[in-house]
Amino acid sequence: MAPSPFDSALPDRALGVNFGWVPLLEDGLKDRLYLELQGRLRRAYGLSLGWGWEVGGNVQGPQMTASFGPLFLRGSYLSGRGTTLLIGFAVEPSFALVWSR
């Protein structure tokens, strides 16, 4: 397979911070915000650990997300809500600072 023009610009490994918003939850649940520390390998596989909370409420707790490209599987335990499992497609505009030695 021929190398992509992005191969030299994007790193194989990355560590970053995600701040996100989940607006479309079922059953009239409130929108959810989250903050995660994310690691990526080969620009496709990702694993994130973080904290999620509902907007305007006391519902909050830890969460973990596994991703492959834009697809993700997120498990969370929110106080007062219990365990939640989300499967979805993430739209993630990125801002990257890249350096090399």
C-alpha atoms as a PDB file:
ATOM      1  CA  MET A   1       0.000   0.000   0.000  1.00  0.00           C
ATOM      2  CA  ALA A   2       1.382   3.405  -0.949  1.00  0.00           C
ATOM      3  CA  PRO A   3       2.104   5.820   1.899  1.00  0.00           C
ATOM      4  CA  SER A   4      -0.414   8.580   2.462  1.00  0.00           C
ATOM      5  CA  PRO A   5       0.705  12.230   2.357  1.00  0.00           C
ATOM      6  CA  PHE A   6      -0.489  12.439   5.989  1.00  0.00           C
ATOM      7  CA  ASP A   7       1.904   9.684   7.147  1.00  0.00           C
ATOM      8  CA  SER A   8       4.753  12.116   7.691  1.00  0.00           C
ATOM      9  CA  ALA A   9       2.543  14.793   9.313  1.00  0.00           C
ATOM     10  CA  LEU A  10       0.601  12.693  11.835  1.00  0.00           C
ATOM     11  CA  PRO A  11       2.308  10.762  14.641  1.00  0.00           C
ATOM     12  CA  ASP A  12       1.789   7.018  15.211  1.00  0.00           C
ATOM     13  CA  ARG A  13       1.188   7.651  18.923  1.00  0.00           C
ATOM     14  CA  ALA A  14      -0.607  10.524  20.584  1.00  0.00           C
ATOM     15  CA  LEU A  15      -1.686  11.578  24.050  1.00  0.00           C
ATOM     16  CA  GLY A  16      -4.268  14.264  24.557  1.00  0.00           C
ATOM     17  CA  VAL A  17      -7.238  15.680  26.387  1.00  0.00           C
ATOM     18  CA  ASN A  18     -10.840  15.430  25.205  1.00  0.00           C
ATOM     19  CA  PHE A  19     -13.616  17.760  26.242  1.00  0.00           C
ATOM     20  CA  GLY A  20     -16.903  16.678  24.749  1.00  0.00           C
ATOM     21  CA  TRP A  21     -20.653  17.036  24.644  1.00  0.00           C
ATOM     22  CA  VAL A  22     -23.237  14.292  24.072  1.00  0.00           C
ATOM     23  CA  PRO A  23     -26.453  16.109  23.062  1.00  0.00           C
ATOM     24  CA  LEU A  24     -28.661  13.276  21.780  1.00  0.00           C
ATOM     25  CA  LEU A  25     -29.510  10.849  24.577  1.00  0.00           C
ATOM     26  CA  GLU A  26     -32.714   8.810  24.653  1.00  0.00           C
ATOM     27  CA  ASP A  27     -35.564   8.975  27.185  1.00  0.00           C
ATOM     28  CA  GLY A  28     -35.274  12.718  27.675  1.00  0.00           C
ATOM     29  CA  LEU A  29     -31.994  12.498  29.608  1.00  0.00           C
ATOM     30  CA  LYS A  30     -30.086  15.739  29.984  1.00  0.00           C
ATOM     31  CA  ASP A  31     -27.130  16.562  27.752  1.00  0.00           C
ATOM     32  CA  ARG A  32     -23.858  15.139  29.019  1.00  0.00           C
ATOM     33  CA  LEU A  33     -20.400  16.717  29.152  1.00  0.00           C
ATOM     34  CA  TYR A  34     -17.158  14.823  29.633  1.00  0.00           C
ATOM     35  CA  LEU A  35     -13.454  15.402  30.128  1.00  0.00           C
ATOM     36  CA  GLU A  36     -11.027  12.590  29.262  1.00  0.00           C
ATOM     37  CA  LEU A  37      -7.341  11.809  28.970  1.00  0.00           C
ATOM     38  CA  GLN A  38      -6.969   9.995  25.642  1.00  0.00           C
ATOM     39  CA  GLY A  39      -4.233   7.910  24.101  1.00  0.00           C
ATOM     40  CA  ARG A  40      -4.148   6.981  20.405  1.00  0.00           C
ATOM     41  CA  LEU A  41      -2.080   4.381  18.597  1.00  0.00           C
ATOM     42  CA  ARG A  42      -1.545   4.327  14.827  1.00  0.00           C
ATOM     43  CA  ARG A  43      -4.058   7.164  14.401  1.00  0.00           C
ATOM     44  CA  ALA A  44      -6.941   4.688  14.721  1.00  0.00           C
ATOM     45  CA  TYR A  45      -7.070   2.876  18.061  1.00  0.00           C
ATOM     46  CA  GLY A  46      -7.895   4.935  21.121  1.00  0.00           C
ATOM     47  CA  LEU A  47      -8.456   4.464  24.851  1.00  0.00           C
ATOM     48  CA  SER A  48      -9.705   7.224  27.155  1.00  0.00           C
ATOM     49  CA  LEU A  49     -10.323   7.561  30.877  1.00  0.00           C
ATOM     50  CA  GLY A  50     -12.290  10.455  32.251  1.00  0.00           C
ATOM     51  CA  TRP A  51     -15.231  11.976  34.065  1.00  0.00           C
ATOM     52  CA  GLY A  52     -18.738  12.660  32.795  1.00  0.00           C
ATOM     53  CA  TRP A  53     -21.563  14.780  34.159  1.00  0.00           C
ATOM     54  CA  GLU A  54     -25.046  15.854  33.135  1.00  0.00           C
ATOM     55  CA  VAL A  55     -25.637  19.541  32.424  1.00  0.00           C
ATOM     56  CA  GLY A  56     -27.484  21.245  35.277  1.00  0.00           C
ATOM     57  CA  GLY A  57     -27.585  18.275  37.640  1.00  0.00           C
ATOM     58  CA  ASN A  58     -25.732  16.337  40.321  1.00  0.00           C
ATOM     59  CA  VAL A  59     -25.356  13.268  38.121  1.00  0.00           C
ATOM     60  CA  GLN A  60     -21.648  12.577  37.512  1.00  0.00           C
ATOM     61  CA  GLY A  61     -19.067   9.808  37.579  1.00  0.00           C
ATOM     62  CA  PRO A  62     -16.147   8.015  35.899  1.00  0.00           C
ATOM     63  CA  GLN A  63     -16.134   6.769  32.338  1.00  0.00           C
ATOM     64  CA  MET A  64     -13.954   4.845  29.911  1.00  0.00           C
ATOM     65  CA  THR A  65     -14.015   4.979  26.120  1.00  0.00           C
ATOM     66  CA  ALA A  66     -12.510   2.641  23.525  1.00  0.00           C
ATOM     67  CA  SER A  67     -12.445   3.852  19.932  1.00  0.00           C
ATOM     68  CA  PHE A  68     -11.476   2.807  16.450  1.00  0.00           C
ATOM     69  CA  GLY A  69     -11.392   5.757  14.086  1.00  0.00           C
ATOM     70  CA  PRO A  70     -14.646   7.682  14.569  1.00  0.00           C
ATOM     71  CA  LEU A  71     -16.498   4.727  16.166  1.00  0.00           C
ATOM     72  CA  PHE A  72     -16.573   4.481  19.942  1.00  0.00           C
ATOM     73  CA  LEU A  73     -17.829   2.378  22.837  1.00  0.00           C
ATOM     74  CA  ARG A  74     -18.175   4.332  26.096  1.00  0.00           C
ATOM     75  CA  GLY A  75     -19.045   2.893  29.490  1.00  0.00           C
ATOM     76  CA  SER A  76     -19.791   5.143  32.442  1.00  0.00           C
ATOM     77  CA  TYR A  77     -21.121   4.930  35.966  1.00  0.00           C
ATOM     78  CA  LEU A  78     -22.974   8.081  36.928  1.00  0.00           C
ATOM     79  CA  SER A  79     -24.231   8.588  40.489  1.00  0.00           C
ATOM     80  CA  GLY A  80     -28.003   8.491  40.567  1.00  0.00           C
ATOM     81  CA  ARG A  81     -28.172   7.151  36.996  1.00  0.00           C
ATOM     82  CA  GLY A  82     -26.231   3.872  37.180  1.00  0.00           C
ATOM     83  CA  THR A  83     -24.226   2.240  34.425  1.00  0.00           C
ATOM     84  CA  THR A  84     -24.548   3.580  30.895  1.00  0.00           C
ATOM     85  CA  LEU A  85     -23.149   2.075  27.702  1.00  0.00           C
ATOM     86  CA  LEU A  86     -23.003   4.241  24.575  1.00  0.00           C
ATOM     87  CA  ILE A  87     -22.037   3.104  21.095  1.00  0.00           C
ATOM     88  CA  GLY A  88     -21.662   5.815  18.524  1.00  0.00           C
ATOM     89  CA  PHE A  89     -19.883   7.866  15.939  1.00  0.00           C
ATOM     90  CA  ALA A  90     -17.760  10.753  17.234  1.00  0.00           C
ATOM     91  CA  VAL A  91     -17.316  14.043  15.421  1.00  0.00           C
ATOM     92  CA  GLU A  92     -14.021  15.302  16.809  1.00  0.00           C
ATOM     93  CA  PRO A  93     -12.470  18.437  15.433  1.00  0.00           C
ATOM     94  CA  SER A  94      -8.848  18.283  16.509  1.00  0.00           C
ATOM     95  CA  PHE A  95      -6.191  20.758  17.440  1.00  0.00           C
ATOM     96  CA  ALA A  96      -2.737  19.204  17.524  1.00  0.00           C
ATOM     97  CA  LEU A  97       0.685  20.374  18.595  1.00  0.00           C
ATOM     98  CA  VAL A  98       3.345  18.048  17.209  1.00  0.00           C
ATOM     99  CA  TRP A  99       7.007  18.067  18.050  1.00  0.00           C
ATOM    100  CA  SER A 100       9.929  15.773  17.398  1.00  0.00           C
ATOM    101  CA  ARG A 101      13.381  15.306  18.787  1.00  0.00           C
END
